[in-house]
Amino acid sequence: GTDFIPKNNEFLKQHKFFPKTVNEADLFNF
């Protein structure tokens, strides 16, 4: 329901959401 994120906050926070790394192939393609 609408309380999904607060209810699962600890589980959801265990992952890094915004990766800062980009590999060389991606940079070349970009």
ModelCIF file with pLDDT and N, C-alpha, C, O atoms, coordinates in Angstrom:
data_MODEL
#
_entry.id   MODEL 
#
_entity.id                         1 
_entity.type                       polymer 
_entity.pdbx_number_of_molecules   1 
#
_entity_poly.entity_id                      1 
_entity_poly.type                           'polypeptide(L)' 
_entity_poly.nstd_linkage                   no 
_entity_poly.nstd_monomer                   no 
_entity_poly.pdbx_seq_one_letter_code       GTDFIPKNNEFLKQHKFFPKTVNEADLFNF 
_entity_poly.pdbx_seq_one_letter_code_can   GTDFIPKNNEFLKQHKFFPKTVNEADLFNF 
_entity_poly.pdbx_strand_id                 A 
#
loop_
_entity_poly_seq.entity_id 
_entity_poly_seq.num 
_entity_poly_seq.mon_id 
_entity_poly_seq.hetero 
1 1  GLY n 
1 2  THR n 
1 3  ASP n 
1 4  PHE n 
1 5  ILE n 
1 6  PRO n 
1 7  LYS n 
1 8  ASN n 
1 9  ASN n 
1 10 GLU n 
1 11 PHE n 
1 12 LEU n 
1 13 LYS n 
1 14 GLN n 
1 15 HIS n 
1 16 LYS n 
1 17 PHE n 
1 18 PHE n 
1 19 PRO n 
1 20 LYS n 
1 21 THR n 
1 22 VAL n 
1 23 ASN n 
1 24 GLU n 
1 25 ALA n 
1 26 ASP n 
1 27 LEU n 
1 28 PHE n 
1 29 ASN n 
1 30 PHE n 
#
_struct_asym.id          A 
_struct_asym.entity_id   1 
#
loop_
_ma_qa_metric.id 
_ma_qa_metric.mode 
_ma_qa_metric.name 
_ma_qa_metric.software_group_id 
_ma_qa_metric.type 
1 global pLDDT . pLDDT 
2 local  pLDDT . pLDDT 
#
_ma_qa_metric_global.metric_id      1 
_ma_qa_metric_global.metric_value   71.13 
_ma_qa_metric_global.model_id       1 
_ma_qa_metric_global.ordinal_id     1 
#
loop_
_ma_qa_metric_local.label_asym_id 
_ma_qa_metric_local.label_comp_id 
_ma_qa_metric_local.label_seq_id 
_ma_qa_metric_local.metric_id 
_ma_qa_metric_local.metric_value 
_ma_qa_metric_local.model_id 
_ma_qa_metric_local.ordinal_id 
A GLY 1  2 85.00 1 1  
A THR 2  2 84.00 1 2  
A ASP 3  2 86.00 1 3  
A PHE 4  2 86.00 1 4  
A ILE 5  2 85.00 1 5  
A PRO 6  2 86.00 1 6  
A LYS 7  2 87.00 1 7  
A ASN 8  2 86.00 1 8  
A ASN 9  2 84.00 1 9  
A GLU 10 2 82.00 1 10 
A PHE 11 2 83.00 1 11 
A LEU 12 2 81.00 1 12 
A LYS 13 2 77.00 1 13 
A GLN 14 2 75.00 1 14 
A HIS 15 2 65.00 1 15 
A LYS 16 2 60.00 1 16 
A PHE 17 2 56.00 1 17 
A PHE 18 2 47.00 1 18 
A PRO 19 2 51.00 1 19 
A LYS 20 2 52.00 1 20 
A THR 21 2 54.00 1 21 
A VAL 22 2 56.00 1 22 
A ASN 23 2 62.00 1 23 
A GLU 24 2 66.00 1 24 
A ALA 25 2 68.00 1 25 
A ASP 26 2 66.00 1 26 
A LEU 27 2 64.00 1 27 
A PHE 28 2 68.00 1 28 
A ASN 29 2 68.00 1 29 
A PHE 30 2 64.00 1 30 
#
loop_
_atom_site.group_PDB 
_atom_site.id 
_atom_site.type_symbol 
_atom_site.label_atom_id 
_atom_site.label_alt_id 
_atom_site.label_comp_id 
_atom_site.label_asym_id 
_atom_site.label_entity_id 
_atom_site.label_seq_id 
_atom_site.pdbx_PDB_ins_code 
_atom_site.Cartn_x 
_atom_site.Cartn_y 
_atom_site.Cartn_z 
_atom_site.occupancy 
_atom_site.B_iso_or_equiv 
_atom_site.pdbx_formal_charge 
_atom_site.auth_seq_id 
_atom_site.auth_comp_id 
_atom_site.auth_asym_id 
_atom_site.auth_atom_id 
_atom_site.pdbx_PDB_model_num 
ATOM 1   N N  . GLY A 1 1  ? 0.828  -1.200 0.000   1.00 85.00 ? 1  GLY A N  1 
ATOM 2   C CA . GLY A 1 1  ? 0.000  0.000  0.000   1.00 85.00 ? 1  GLY A CA 1 
ATOM 3   C C  . GLY A 1 1  ? 0.857  1.242  0.000   1.00 85.00 ? 1  GLY A C  1 
ATOM 4   O O  . GLY A 1 1  ? 2.041  1.194  -0.335  1.00 85.00 ? 1  GLY A O  1 
ATOM 5   N N  . THR A 1 2  ? 0.258  2.353  0.376   1.00 84.00 ? 2  THR A N  1 
ATOM 6   C CA . THR A 1 2  ? 0.966  3.631  0.347   1.00 84.00 ? 2  THR A CA 1 
ATOM 7   C C  . THR A 1 2  ? 2.075  3.713  1.391   1.00 84.00 ? 2  THR A C  1 
ATOM 8   O O  . THR A 1 2  ? 2.914  4.613  1.338   1.00 84.00 ? 2  THR A O  1 
ATOM 9   N N  . ASP A 1 3  ? 2.083  2.786  2.330   1.00 86.00 ? 3  ASP A N  1 
ATOM 10  C CA . ASP A 1 3  ? 3.132  2.774  3.350   1.00 86.00 ? 3  ASP A CA 1 
ATOM 11  C C  . ASP A 1 3  ? 4.288  1.851  2.971   1.00 86.00 ? 3  ASP A C  1 
ATOM 12  O O  . ASP A 1 3  ? 5.123  1.526  3.815   1.00 86.00 ? 3  ASP A O  1 
ATOM 13  N N  . PHE A 1 4  ? 4.343  1.431  1.717   1.00 86.00 ? 4  PHE A N  1 
ATOM 14  C CA . PHE A 1 4  ? 5.338  0.456  1.271   1.00 86.00 ? 4  PHE A CA 1 
ATOM 15  C C  . PHE A 1 4  ? 6.775  0.896  1.555   1.00 86.00 ? 4  PHE A C  1 
ATOM 16  O O  . PHE A 1 4  ? 7.543  0.134  2.143   1.00 86.00 ? 4  PHE A O  1 
ATOM 17  N N  . ILE A 1 5  ? 7.147  2.102  1.151   1.00 85.00 ? 5  ILE A N  1 
ATOM 18  C CA . ILE A 1 5  ? 8.543  2.548  1.311   1.00 85.00 ? 5  ILE A CA 1 
ATOM 19  C C  . ILE A 1 5  ? 8.905  2.707  2.790   1.00 85.00 ? 5  ILE A C  1 
ATOM 20  O O  . ILE A 1 5  ? 9.942  2.190  3.207   1.00 85.00 ? 5  ILE A O  1 
ATOM 21  N N  . PRO A 1 6  ? 8.098  3.398  3.601   1.00 86.00 ? 6  PRO A N  1 
ATOM 22  C CA . PRO A 1 6  ? 8.471  3.465  5.025   1.00 86.00 ? 6  PRO A CA 1 
ATOM 23  C C  . PRO A 1 6  ? 8.545  2.084  5.685   1.00 86.00 ? 6  PRO A C  1 
ATOM 24  O O  . PRO A 1 6  ? 9.410  1.838  6.527   1.00 86.00 ? 6  PRO A O  1 
ATOM 25  N N  . LYS A 1 7  ? 7.646  1.200  5.303   1.00 87.00 ? 7  LYS A N  1 
ATOM 26  C CA . LYS A 1 7  ? 7.601  -0.135 5.889   1.00 87.00 ? 7  LYS A CA 1 
ATOM 27  C C  . LYS A 1 7  ? 8.825  -0.971 5.508   1.00 87.00 ? 7  LYS A C  1 
ATOM 28  O O  . LYS A 1 7  ? 9.266  -1.817 6.286   1.00 87.00 ? 7  LYS A O  1 
ATOM 29  N N  . ASN A 1 8  ? 9.368  -0.735 4.321   1.00 86.00 ? 8  ASN A N  1 
ATOM 30  C CA . ASN A 1 8  ? 10.511 -1.502 3.821   1.00 86.00 ? 8  ASN A CA 1 
ATOM 31  C C  . ASN A 1 8  ? 11.791 -0.674 3.769   1.00 86.00 ? 8  ASN A C  1 
ATOM 32  O O  . ASN A 1 8  ? 12.748 -1.042 3.088   1.00 86.00 ? 8  ASN A O  1 
ATOM 33  N N  . ASN A 1 9  ? 11.803 0.430  4.481   1.00 84.00 ? 9  ASN A N  1 
ATOM 34  C CA . ASN A 1 9  ? 12.914 1.375  4.411   1.00 84.00 ? 9  ASN A CA 1 
ATOM 35  C C  . ASN A 1 9  ? 14.272 0.739  4.686   1.00 84.00 ? 9  ASN A C  1 
ATOM 36  O O  . ASN A 1 9  ? 15.224 0.979  3.944   1.00 84.00 ? 9  ASN A O  1 
ATOM 37  N N  . GLU A 1 10 ? 14.375 -0.056 5.724   1.00 82.00 ? 10 GLU A N  1 
ATOM 38  C CA . GLU A 1 10 ? 15.668 -0.669 6.073   1.00 82.00 ? 10 GLU A CA 1 
ATOM 39  C C  . GLU A 1 10 ? 16.166 -1.578 4.948   1.00 82.00 ? 10 GLU A C  1 
ATOM 40  O O  . GLU A 1 10 ? 17.341 -1.537 4.584   1.00 82.00 ? 10 GLU A O  1 
ATOM 41  N N  . PHE A 1 11 ? 15.274 -2.388 4.409   1.00 83.00 ? 11 PHE A N  1 
ATOM 42  C CA . PHE A 1 11 ? 15.644 -3.294 3.313   1.00 83.00 ? 11 PHE A CA 1 
ATOM 43  C C  . PHE A 1 11 ? 16.050 -2.498 2.070   1.00 83.00 ? 11 PHE A C  1 
ATOM 44  O O  . PHE A 1 11 ? 17.042 -2.828 1.420   1.00 83.00 ? 11 PHE A O  1 
ATOM 45  N N  . LEU A 1 12 ? 15.296 -1.463 1.742   1.00 81.00 ? 12 LEU A N  1 
ATOM 46  C CA . LEU A 1 12 ? 15.569 -0.676 0.540   1.00 81.00 ? 12 LEU A CA 1 
ATOM 47  C C  . LEU A 1 12 ? 16.863 0.123  0.670   1.00 81.00 ? 12 LEU A C  1 
ATOM 48  O O  . LEU A 1 12 ? 17.561 0.335  -0.321  1.00 81.00 ? 12 LEU A O  1 
ATOM 49  N N  . LYS A 1 13 ? 17.187 0.564  1.878   1.00 77.00 ? 13 LYS A N  1 
ATOM 50  C CA . LYS A 1 13 ? 18.401 1.361  2.090   1.00 77.00 ? 13 LYS A CA 1 
ATOM 51  C C  . LYS A 1 13 ? 19.675 0.541  2.015   1.00 77.00 ? 13 LYS A C  1 
ATOM 52  O O  . LYS A 1 13 ? 20.761 1.117  1.953   1.00 77.00 ? 13 LYS A O  1 
ATOM 53  N N  . GLN A 1 14 ? 19.584 -0.769 2.018   1.00 75.00 ? 14 GLN A N  1 
ATOM 54  C CA . GLN A 1 14 ? 20.780 -1.611 2.021   1.00 75.00 ? 14 GLN A CA 1 
ATOM 55  C C  . GLN A 1 14 ? 21.520 -1.564 0.686   1.00 75.00 ? 14 GLN A C  1 
ATOM 56  O O  . GLN A 1 14 ? 22.641 -2.063 0.582   1.00 75.00 ? 14 GLN A O  1 
ATOM 57  N N  . HIS A 1 15 ? 20.920 -0.986 -0.308  1.00 65.00 ? 15 HIS A N  1 
ATOM 58  C CA . HIS A 1 15 ? 21.536 -0.910 -1.634  1.00 65.00 ? 15 HIS A CA 1 
ATOM 59  C C  . HIS A 1 15 ? 21.946 0.519  -1.936  1.00 65.00 ? 15 HIS A C  1 
ATOM 60  O O  . HIS A 1 15 ? 21.271 1.461  -1.521  1.00 65.00 ? 15 HIS A O  1 
ATOM 61  N N  . LYS A 1 16 ? 23.031 0.686  -2.645  1.00 60.00 ? 16 LYS A N  1 
ATOM 62  C CA . LYS A 1 16 ? 23.446 2.018  -3.068  1.00 60.00 ? 16 LYS A CA 1 
ATOM 63  C C  . LYS A 1 16 ? 22.606 2.387  -4.291  1.00 60.00 ? 16 LYS A C  1 
ATOM 64  O O  . LYS A 1 16 ? 22.719 1.736  -5.330  1.00 60.00 ? 16 LYS A O  1 
ATOM 65  N N  . PHE A 1 17 ? 21.784 3.398  -4.188  1.00 56.00 ? 17 PHE A N  1 
ATOM 66  C CA . PHE A 1 17 ? 20.852 3.723  -5.255  1.00 56.00 ? 17 PHE A CA 1 
ATOM 67  C C  . PHE A 1 17 ? 21.472 4.484  -6.420  1.00 56.00 ? 17 PHE A C  1 
ATOM 68  O O  . PHE A 1 17 ? 21.052 4.309  -7.564  1.00 56.00 ? 17 PHE A O  1 
ATOM 69  N N  . PHE A 1 18 ? 22.451 5.314  -6.150  1.00 47.00 ? 18 PHE A N  1 
ATOM 70  C CA . PHE A 1 18 ? 22.991 6.164  -7.189  1.00 47.00 ? 18 PHE A CA 1 
ATOM 71  C C  . PHE A 1 18 ? 24.465 5.866  -7.437  1.00 47.00 ? 18 PHE A C  1 
ATOM 72  O O  . PHE A 1 18 ? 25.333 6.508  -6.846  1.00 47.00 ? 18 PHE A O  1 
ATOM 73  N N  . PRO A 1 19 ? 24.755 4.910  -8.294  1.00 51.00 ? 19 PRO A N  1 
ATOM 74  C CA . PRO A 1 19 ? 26.159 4.574  -8.551  1.00 51.00 ? 19 PRO A CA 1 
ATOM 75  C C  . PRO A 1 19 ? 26.887 5.741  -9.234  1.00 51.00 ? 19 PRO A C  1 
ATOM 76  O O  . PRO A 1 19 ? 26.336 6.394  -10.121 1.00 51.00 ? 19 PRO A O  1 
ATOM 77  N N  . LYS A 1 20 ? 28.102 5.987  -8.816  1.00 52.00 ? 20 LYS A N  1 
ATOM 78  C CA . LYS A 1 20 ? 28.897 7.079  -9.382  1.00 52.00 ? 20 LYS A CA 1 
ATOM 79  C C  . LYS A 1 20 ? 29.901 6.571  -10.419 1.00 52.00 ? 20 LYS A C  1 
ATOM 80  O O  . LYS A 1 20 ? 30.544 7.371  -11.100 1.00 52.00 ? 20 LYS A O  1 
ATOM 81  N N  . THR A 1 21 ? 30.036 5.267  -10.543 1.00 54.00 ? 21 THR A N  1 
ATOM 82  C CA . THR A 1 21 ? 31.040 4.727  -11.437 1.00 54.00 ? 21 THR A CA 1 
ATOM 83  C C  . THR A 1 21 ? 30.472 4.511  -12.836 1.00 54.00 ? 21 THR A C  1 
ATOM 84  O O  . THR A 1 21 ? 29.338 4.065  -13.009 1.00 54.00 ? 21 THR A O  1 
ATOM 85  N N  . VAL A 1 22 ? 31.285 4.837  -13.814 1.00 56.00 ? 22 VAL A N  1 
ATOM 86  C CA . VAL A 1 22 ? 30.940 4.612  -15.221 1.00 56.00 ? 22 VAL A CA 1 
ATOM 87  C C  . VAL A 1 22 ? 32.153 3.937  -15.833 1.00 56.00 ? 22 VAL A C  1 
ATOM 88  O O  . VAL A 1 22 ? 33.277 4.405  -15.653 1.00 56.00 ? 22 VAL A O  1 
ATOM 89  N N  . ASN A 1 23 ? 31.943 2.840  -16.556 1.00 62.00 ? 23 ASN A N  1 
ATOM 90  C CA . ASN A 1 23 ? 33.099 2.165  -17.134 1.00 62.00 ? 23 ASN A CA 1 
ATOM 91  C C  . ASN A 1 23 ? 33.560 2.865  -18.418 1.00 62.00 ? 23 ASN A C  1 
ATOM 92  O O  . ASN A 1 23 ? 32.842 3.703  -18.964 1.00 62.00 ? 23 ASN A O  1 
ATOM 93  N N  . GLU A 1 24 ? 34.748 2.522  -18.890 1.00 66.00 ? 24 GLU A N  1 
ATOM 94  C CA . GLU A 1 24 ? 35.341 3.195  -20.049 1.00 66.00 ? 24 GLU A CA 1 
ATOM 95  C C  . GLU A 1 24 ? 34.518 3.014  -21.319 1.00 66.00 ? 24 GLU A C  1 
ATOM 96  O O  . GLU A 1 24 ? 34.420 3.935  -22.130 1.00 66.00 ? 24 GLU A O  1 
ATOM 97  N N  . ALA A 1 25 ? 33.928 1.839  -21.496 1.00 68.00 ? 25 ALA A N  1 
ATOM 98  C CA . ALA A 1 25 ? 33.114 1.597  -22.698 1.00 68.00 ? 25 ALA A CA 1 
ATOM 99  C C  . ALA A 1 25 ? 31.903 2.521  -22.716 1.00 68.00 ? 25 ALA A C  1 
ATOM 100 O O  . ALA A 1 25 ? 31.539 3.047  -23.768 1.00 68.00 ? 25 ALA A O  1 
ATOM 101 N N  . ASP A 1 26 ? 31.278 2.722  -21.562 1.00 66.00 ? 26 ASP A N  1 
ATOM 102 C CA . ASP A 1 26 ? 30.138 3.634  -21.489 1.00 66.00 ? 26 ASP A CA 1 
ATOM 103 C C  . ASP A 1 26 ? 30.556 5.058  -21.820 1.00 66.00 ? 26 ASP A C  1 
ATOM 104 O O  . ASP A 1 26 ? 29.855 5.764  -22.544 1.00 66.00 ? 26 ASP A O  1 
ATOM 105 N N  . LEU A 1 27 ? 31.703 5.483  -21.287 1.00 64.00 ? 27 LEU A N  1 
ATOM 106 C CA . LEU A 1 27 ? 32.190 6.832  -21.585 1.00 64.00 ? 27 LEU A CA 1 
ATOM 107 C C  . LEU A 1 27 ? 32.477 7.007  -23.072 1.00 64.00 ? 27 LEU A C  1 
ATOM 108 O O  . LEU A 1 27 ? 32.156 8.048  -23.645 1.00 64.00 ? 27 LEU A O  1 
ATOM 109 N N  . PHE A 1 28 ? 33.073 6.005  -23.697 1.00 68.00 ? 28 PHE A N  1 
ATOM 110 C CA . PHE A 1 28 ? 33.349 6.067  -25.125 1.00 68.00 ? 28 PHE A CA 1 
ATOM 111 C C  . PHE A 1 28 ? 32.045 6.165  -25.913 1.00 68.00 ? 28 PHE A C  1 
ATOM 112 O O  . PHE A 1 28 ? 31.916 7.000  -26.808 1.00 68.00 ? 28 PHE A O  1 
ATOM 113 N N  . ASN A 1 29 ? 31.079 5.311  -25.578 1.00 68.00 ? 29 ASN A N  1 
ATOM 114 C CA . ASN A 1 29 ? 29.793 5.335  -26.279 1.00 68.00 ? 29 ASN A CA 1 
ATOM 115 C C  . ASN A 1 29 ? 29.087 6.670  -26.105 1.00 68.00 ? 29 ASN A C  1 
ATOM 116 O O  . ASN A 1 29 ? 28.492 7.196  -27.045 1.00 68.00 ? 29 ASN A O  1 
ATOM 117 N N  . PHE A 1 30 ? 29.155 7.209  -24.900 1.00 64.00 ? 30 PHE A N  1 
ATOM 118 C CA . PHE A 1 30 ? 28.542 8.499  -24.632 1.00 64.00 ? 30 PHE A CA 1 
ATOM 119 C C  . PHE A 1 30 ? 29.202 9.598  -25.475 1.00 64.00 ? 30 PHE A C  1 
ATOM 120 O O  . PHE A 1 30 ? 28.815 10.763 -25.384 1.00 64.00 ? 30 PHE A O  1 
#
